[in-house]
Amino acid sequence: MPIVTNEELVELTGGLKQGAAQARWLKKALGIDAPRKADGHPMLTWEQVNQPRAESAPRTQPKWRVAA
């Protein structure tokens, strides 16, 4: 399992360089709450990045209402 490097994290997150900003982006965009390395950057594997989000995302149903 290859670990995502800091340079790859910058590319993956659209240019974000600070570890905290990258962690927020990963949580919001991919639903990944990754642990932090000693330098503050998120630590994750490419398997986590490429894993389909549908497995962890709750399924929602449409909220149908009858018009009064």
PDB file of N, CA and C in Angstrom:
ATOM      1  N   MET A   1       0.837  -1.186   0.000  1.00  0.00           N
ATOM      2  CA  MET A   1       0.000   0.000   0.000  1.00  0.00           C
ATOM      3  C   MET A   1       0.882   1.248   0.000  1.00  0.00           C
ATOM      4  N   PRO A   2       0.966   1.921  -1.105  1.00  0.00           N
ATOM      5  CA  PRO A   2       1.781   3.138  -1.135  1.00  0.00           C
ATOM      6  C   PRO A   2       1.107   4.295  -0.397  1.00  0.00           C
ATOM      7  N   ILE A   3       1.898   5.001   0.368  1.00  0.00           N
ATOM      8  CA  ILE A   3       1.430   6.168   1.112  1.00  0.00           C
ATOM      9  C   ILE A   3       1.449   7.380   0.185  1.00  0.00           C
ATOM     10  N   VAL A   4       0.437   8.231   0.291  1.00  0.00           N
ATOM     11  CA  VAL A   4       0.371   9.461  -0.495  1.00  0.00           C
ATOM     12  C   VAL A   4       1.416  10.433   0.055  1.00  0.00           C
ATOM     13  N   THR A   5       2.290  10.942  -0.811  1.00  0.00           N
ATOM     14  CA  THR A   5       3.336  11.877  -0.380  1.00  0.00           C
ATOM     15  C   THR A   5       2.760  13.282  -0.213  1.00  0.00           C
ATOM     16  N   ASN A   6       3.524  14.162   0.433  1.00  0.00           N
ATOM     17  CA  ASN A   6       3.081  15.549   0.613  1.00  0.00           C
ATOM     18  C   ASN A   6       2.874  16.243  -0.728  1.00  0.00           C
ATOM     19  N   GLU A   7       3.746  15.969  -1.696  1.00  0.00           N
ATOM     20  CA  GLU A   7       3.604  16.565  -3.024  1.00  0.00           C
ATOM     21  C   GLU A   7       2.328  16.074  -3.706  1.00  0.00           C
ATOM     22  N   GLU A   8       2.033  14.791  -3.548  1.00  0.00           N
ATOM     23  CA  GLU A   8       0.807  14.232  -4.130  1.00  0.00           C
ATOM     24  C   GLU A   8      -0.429  14.794  -3.434  1.00  0.00           C
ATOM     25  N   LEU A   9      -0.323  15.043  -2.121  1.00  0.00           N
ATOM     26  CA  LEU A   9      -1.438  15.655  -1.394  1.00  0.00           C
ATOM     27  C   LEU A   9      -1.744  17.048  -1.926  1.00  0.00           C
ATOM     28  N   VAL A  10      -0.707  17.820  -2.229  1.00  0.00           N
ATOM     29  CA  VAL A  10      -0.904  19.162  -2.781  1.00  0.00           C
ATOM     30  C   VAL A  10      -1.646  19.059  -4.110  1.00  0.00           C
ATOM     31  N   GLU A  11      -1.231  18.121  -4.947  1.00  0.00           N
ATOM     32  CA  GLU A  11      -1.886  17.938  -6.246  1.00  0.00           C
ATOM     33  C   GLU A  11      -3.320  17.438  -6.076  1.00  0.00           C
ATOM     34  N   LEU A  12      -3.520  16.489  -5.170  1.00  0.00           N
ATOM     35  CA  LEU A  12      -4.840  15.908  -4.939  1.00  0.00           C
ATOM     36  C   LEU A  12      -5.836  16.937  -4.414  1.00  0.00           C
ATOM     37  N   THR A  13      -5.377  17.823  -3.539  1.00  0.00           N
ATOM     38  CA  THR A  13      -6.273  18.790  -2.896  1.00  0.00           C
ATOM     39  C   THR A  13      -6.384  20.104  -3.653  1.00  0.00           C
ATOM     40  N   GLY A  14      -5.883  20.146  -4.859  1.00  0.00           N
ATOM     41  CA  GLY A  14      -6.038  21.344  -5.674  1.00  0.00           C
ATOM     42  C   GLY A  14      -5.111  22.477  -5.294  1.00  0.00           C
ATOM     43  N   GLY A  15      -3.931  22.147  -4.775  1.00  0.00           N
ATOM     44  CA  GLY A  15      -2.951  23.180  -4.463  1.00  0.00           C
ATOM     45  C   GLY A  15      -2.857  23.562  -2.999  1.00  0.00           C
ATOM     46  N   LEU A  16      -3.653  22.959  -2.141  1.00  0.00           N
ATOM     47  CA  LEU A  16      -3.573  23.269  -0.708  1.00  0.00           C
ATOM     48  C   LEU A  16      -2.264  22.727  -0.147  1.00  0.00           C
ATOM     49  N   LYS A  17      -1.549  23.553   0.610  1.00  0.00           N
ATOM     50  CA  LYS A  17      -0.233  23.159   1.107  1.00  0.00           C
ATOM     51  C   LYS A  17      -0.195  22.915   2.610  1.00  0.00           C
ATOM     52  N   GLN A  18      -1.088  23.525   3.365  1.00  0.00           N
ATOM     53  CA  GLN A  18      -1.089  23.343   4.816  1.00  0.00           C
ATOM     54  C   GLN A  18      -1.827  22.052   5.170  1.00  0.00           C
ATOM     55  N   GLY A  19      -1.262  21.335   6.138  1.00  0.00           N
ATOM     56  CA  GLY A  19      -1.837  20.061   6.541  1.00  0.00           C
ATOM     57  C   GLY A  19      -3.275  20.160   7.012  1.00  0.00           C
ATOM     58  N   ALA A  20      -3.596  21.202   7.779  1.00  0.00           N
ATOM     59  CA  ALA A  20      -4.959  21.365   8.290  1.00  0.00           C
ATOM     60  C   ALA A  20      -5.946  21.598   7.149  1.00  0.00           C
ATOM     61  N   ALA A  21      -5.545  22.395   6.175  1.00  0.00           N
ATOM     62  CA  ALA A  21      -6.413  22.661   5.028  1.00  0.00           C
ATOM     63  C   ALA A  21      -6.610  21.396   4.202  1.00  0.00           C
ATOM     64  N   GLN A  22      -5.557  20.619   4.043  1.00  0.00           N
ATOM     65  CA  GLN A  22      -5.666  19.363   3.311  1.00  0.00           C
ATOM     66  C   GLN A  22      -6.596  18.396   4.037  1.00  0.00           C
ATOM     67  N   ALA A  23      -6.488  18.335   5.366  1.00  0.00           N
ATOM     68  CA  ALA A  23      -7.346  17.450   6.152  1.00  0.00           C
ATOM     69  C   ALA A  23      -8.808  17.852   6.017  1.00  0.00           C
ATOM     70  N   ARG A  24      -9.096  19.163   6.047  1.00  0.00           N
ATOM     71  CA  ARG A  24     -10.481  19.625   5.867  1.00  0.00           C
ATOM     72  C   ARG A  24     -11.003  19.238   4.491  1.00  0.00           C
ATOM     73  N   TRP A  25     -10.172  19.411   3.468  1.00  0.00           N
ATOM     74  CA  TRP A  25     -10.582  19.083   2.106  1.00  0.00           C
ATOM     75  C   TRP A  25     -10.867  17.586   1.982  1.00  0.00           C
ATOM     76  N   LEU A  26      -9.990  16.752   2.538  1.00  0.00           N
ATOM     77  CA  LEU A  26     -10.187  15.304   2.468  1.00  0.00           C
ATOM     78  C   LEU A  26     -11.479  14.888   3.159  1.00  0.00           C
ATOM     79  N   LYS A  27     -11.771  15.501   4.292  1.00  0.00           N
ATOM     80  CA  LYS A  27     -12.991  15.174   5.036  1.00  0.00           C
ATOM     81  C   LYS A  27     -14.226  15.593   4.251  1.00  0.00           C
ATOM     82  N   LYS A  28     -14.203  16.797   3.681  1.00  0.00           N
ATOM     83  CA  LYS A  28     -15.370  17.313   2.967  1.00  0.00           C
ATOM     84  C   LYS A  28     -15.568  16.628   1.616  1.00  0.00           C
ATOM     85  N   ALA A  29     -14.503  16.474   0.850  1.00  0.00           N
ATOM     86  CA  ALA A  29     -14.623  15.954  -0.512  1.00  0.00           C
ATOM     87  C   ALA A  29     -14.692  14.432  -0.582  1.00  0.00           C
ATOM     88  N   LEU A  30     -13.936  13.759   0.265  1.00  0.00           N
ATOM     89  CA  LEU A  30     -13.851  12.304   0.172  1.00  0.00           C
ATOM     90  C   LEU A  30     -14.393  11.571   1.394  1.00  0.00           C
ATOM     91  N   GLY A  31     -14.710  12.309   2.452  1.00  0.00           N
ATOM     92  CA  GLY A  31     -15.209  11.667   3.663  1.00  0.00           C
ATOM     93  C   GLY A  31     -14.130  10.917   4.431  1.00  0.00           C
ATOM     94  N   ILE A  32     -12.869  11.304   4.232  1.00  0.00           N
ATOM     95  CA  ILE A  32     -11.744  10.627   4.883  1.00  0.00           C
ATOM     96  C   ILE A  32     -11.259  11.471   6.058  1.00  0.00           C
ATOM     97  N   ASP A  33     -11.291  10.878   7.252  1.00  0.00           N
ATOM     98  CA  ASP A  33     -10.757  11.542   8.445  1.00  0.00           C
ATOM     99  C   ASP A  33      -9.411  10.891   8.747  1.00  0.00           C
ATOM    100  N   ALA A  34      -8.375  11.357   8.071  1.00  0.00           N
ATOM    101  CA  ALA A  34      -7.058  10.723   8.133  1.00  0.00           C
ATOM    102  C   ALA A  34      -6.267  11.180   9.349  1.00  0.00           C
ATOM    103  N   PRO A  35      -5.483  10.272   9.938  1.00  0.00           N
ATOM    104  CA  PRO A  35      -4.575  10.693  11.013  1.00  0.00           C
ATOM    105  C   PRO A  35      -3.485  11.594  10.449  1.00  0.00           C
ATOM    106  N   ARG A  36      -2.821  12.334  11.325  1.00  0.00           N
ATOM    107  CA  ARG A  36      -1.791  13.285  10.886  1.00  0.00           C
ATOM    108  C   ARG A  36      -0.403  12.708  11.102  1.00  0.00           C
ATOM    109  N   LYS A  37       0.501  13.052  10.188  1.00  0.00           N
ATOM    110  CA  LYS A  37       1.916  12.716  10.341  1.00  0.00           C
ATOM    111  C   LYS A  37       2.543  13.732  11.295  1.00  0.00           C
ATOM    112  N   ALA A  38       3.801  13.526  11.647  1.00  0.00           N
ATOM    113  CA  ALA A  38       4.500  14.426  12.570  1.00  0.00           C
ATOM    114  C   ALA A  38       4.588  15.845  12.028  1.00  0.00           C
ATOM    115  N   ASP A  39       4.605  15.998  10.698  1.00  0.00           N
ATOM    116  CA  ASP A  39       4.689  17.336  10.106  1.00  0.00           C
ATOM    117  C   ASP A  39       3.324  18.007   9.958  1.00  0.00           C
ATOM    118  N   GLY A  40       2.250  17.334  10.393  1.00  0.00           N
ATOM    119  CA  GLY A  40       0.916  17.926  10.363  1.00  0.00           C
ATOM    120  C   GLY A  40       0.093  17.587   9.136  1.00  0.00           C
ATOM    121  N   HIS A  41       0.695  16.964   8.145  1.00  0.00           N
ATOM    122  CA  HIS A  41      -0.037  16.597   6.938  1.00  0.00           C
ATOM    123  C   HIS A  41      -0.799  15.294   7.162  1.00  0.00           C
ATOM    124  N   PRO A  42      -1.935  15.129   6.485  1.00  0.00           N
ATOM    125  CA  PRO A  42      -2.691  13.885   6.618  1.00  0.00           C
ATOM    126  C   PRO A  42      -1.881  12.692   6.100  1.00  0.00           C
ATOM    127  N   MET A  43      -2.083  11.542   6.727  1.00  0.00           N
ATOM    128  CA  MET A  43      -1.415  10.318   6.305  1.00  0.00           C
ATOM    129  C   MET A  43      -2.484   9.354   5.802  1.00  0.00           C
ATOM    130  N   LEU A  44      -2.415   9.018   4.520  1.00  0.00           N
ATOM    131  CA  LEU A  44      -3.372   8.093   3.952  1.00  0.00           C
ATOM    132  C   LEU A  44      -2.739   7.343   2.800  1.00  0.00           C
ATOM    133  N   THR A  45      -3.400   6.265   2.403  1.00  0.00           N
ATOM    134  CA  THR A  45      -2.900   5.451   1.302  1.00  0.00           C
ATOM    135  C   THR A  45      -3.720   5.734   0.051  1.00  0.00           C
ATOM    136  N   TRP A  46      -3.162   5.350  -1.086  1.00  0.00           N
ATOM    137  CA  TRP A  46      -3.900   5.524  -2.341  1.00  0.00           C
ATOM    138  C   TRP A  46      -5.143   4.647  -2.369  1.00  0.00           C
ATOM    139  N   GLU A  47      -5.119   3.540  -1.636  1.00  0.00           N
ATOM    140  CA  GLU A  47      -6.296   2.678  -1.562  1.00  0.00           C
ATOM    141  C   GLU A  47      -7.466   3.431  -0.924  1.00  0.00           C
ATOM    142  N   GLN A  48      -7.192   4.217   0.116  1.00  0.00           N
ATOM    143  CA  GLN A  48      -8.246   5.013   0.747  1.00  0.00           C
ATOM    144  C   GLN A  48      -8.800   6.057  -0.215  1.00  0.00           C
ATOM    145  N   VAL A  49      -7.926   6.672  -0.989  1.00  0.00           N
ATOM    146  CA  VAL A  49      -8.350   7.715  -1.928  1.00  0.00           C
ATOM    147  C   VAL A  49      -9.208   7.121  -3.034  1.00  0.00           C
ATOM    148  N   ASN A  50      -8.800   5.961  -3.546  1.00  0.00           N
ATOM    149  CA  ASN A  50      -9.490   5.354  -4.681  1.00  0.00           C
ATOM    150  C   ASN A  50     -10.700   4.522  -4.301  1.00  0.00           C
ATOM    151  N   GLN A  51     -10.897   4.265  -3.019  1.00  0.00           N
ATOM    152  CA  GLN A  51     -12.030   3.470  -2.560  1.00  0.00           C
ATOM    153  C   GLN A  51     -13.324   4.212  -2.871  1.00  0.00           C
ATOM    154  N   PRO A  52     -14.301   3.516  -3.416  1.00  0.00           N
ATOM    155  CA  PRO A  52     -15.574   4.190  -3.709  1.00  0.00           C
ATOM    156  C   PRO A  52     -16.219   4.736  -2.440  1.00  0.00           C
ATOM    157  N   ARG A  53     -16.668   5.955  -2.520  1.00  0.00           N
ATOM    158  CA  ARG A  53     -17.282   6.606  -1.363  1.00  0.00           C
ATOM    159  C   ARG A  53     -18.657   6.028  -1.063  1.00  0.00           C
ATOM    160  N   ALA A  54     -19.291   5.435  -2.046  1.00  0.00           N
ATOM    161  CA  ALA A  54     -20.649   4.924  -1.883  1.00  0.00           C
ATOM    162  C   ALA A  54     -20.751   3.892  -0.763  1.00  0.00           C
ATOM    163  N   GLU A  55     -19.676   3.165  -0.494  1.00  0.00           N
ATOM    164  CA  GLU A  55     -19.726   2.155   0.556  1.00  0.00           C
ATOM    165  C   GLU A  55     -19.916   2.771   1.934  1.00  0.00           C
ATOM    166  N   SER A  56     -19.335   3.938   2.163  1.00  0.00           N
ATOM    167  CA  SER A  56     -19.414   4.543   3.487  1.00  0.00           C
ATOM    168  C   SER A  56     -20.498   5.612   3.595  1.00  0.00           C
ATOM    169  N   ALA A  57     -20.976   6.106   2.466  1.00  0.00           N
ATOM    170  CA  ALA A  57     -21.995   7.158   2.492  1.00  0.00           C
ATOM    171  C   ALA A  57     -23.367   6.548   2.761  1.00  0.00           C
ATOM    172  N   PRO A  58     -24.120   7.115   3.674  1.00  0.00           N
ATOM    173  CA  PRO A  58     -25.455   6.579   3.942  1.00  0.00           C
ATOM    174  C   PRO A  58     -26.374   6.820   2.749  1.00  0.00           C
ATOM    175  N   ARG A  59     -27.210   5.840   2.493  1.00  0.00           N
ATOM    176  CA  ARG A  59     -28.160   5.986   1.393  1.00  0.00           C
ATOM    177  C   ARG A  59     -29.328   6.835   1.868  1.00  0.00           C
ATOM    178  N   THR A  60     -29.736   7.759   1.050  1.00  0.00           N
ATOM    179  CA  THR A  60     -30.871   8.606   1.393  1.00  0.00           C
ATOM    180  C   THR A  60     -31.983   8.370   0.392  1.00  0.00           C
ATOM    181  N   GLN A  61     -33.179   8.547   0.845  1.00  0.00           N
ATOM    182  CA  GLN A  61     -34.352   8.368   0.007  1.00  0.00           C
ATOM    183  C   GLN A  61     -34.956   9.733  -0.285  1.00  0.00           C
ATOM    184  N   PRO A  62     -35.680   9.853  -1.396  1.00  0.00           N
ATOM    185  CA  PRO A  62     -36.335  11.133  -1.676  1.00  0.00           C
ATOM    186  C   PRO A  62     -37.412  11.422  -0.634  1.00  0.00           C
ATOM    187  N   LYS A  63     -37.626  12.681  -0.371  1.00  0.00           N
ATOM    188  CA  LYS A  63     -38.644  13.086   0.600  1.00  0.00           C
ATOM    189  C   LYS A  63     -39.855  13.595  -0.174  1.00  0.00           C
ATOM    190  N   TRP A  64     -40.749  12.677  -0.443  1.00  0.00           N
ATOM    191  CA  TRP A  64     -41.935  13.010  -1.218  1.00  0.00           C
ATOM    192  C   TRP A  64     -42.981  13.640  -0.312  1.00  0.00           C
ATOM    193  N   ARG A  65     -43.625  14.690  -0.821  1.00  0.00           N
ATOM    194  CA  ARG A  65     -44.726  15.315  -0.084  1.00  0.00           C
ATOM    195  C   ARG A  65     -45.875  15.521  -1.058  1.00  0.00           C
ATOM    196  N   VAL A  66     -47.067  15.413  -0.537  1.00  0.00           N
ATOM    197  CA  VAL A  66     -48.255  15.655  -1.343  1.00  0.00           C
ATOM    198  C   VAL A  66     -48.625  17.120  -1.180  1.00  0.00           C
ATOM    199  N   ALA A  67     -48.781  17.808  -2.295  1.00  0.00           N
ATOM    200  CA  ALA A  67     -49.153  19.224  -2.238  1.00  0.00           C
ATOM    201  C   ALA A  67     -50.571  19.355  -1.706  1.00  0.00           C
ATOM    202  N   ALA A  68     -50.778  20.295  -0.827  1.00  0.00           N
ATOM    203  CA  ALA A  68     -52.100  20.483  -0.217  1.00  0.00           C
ATOM    204  C   ALA A  68     -53.009  21.289  -1.111  1.00  0.00           C
TER     205      ALA A  68
END
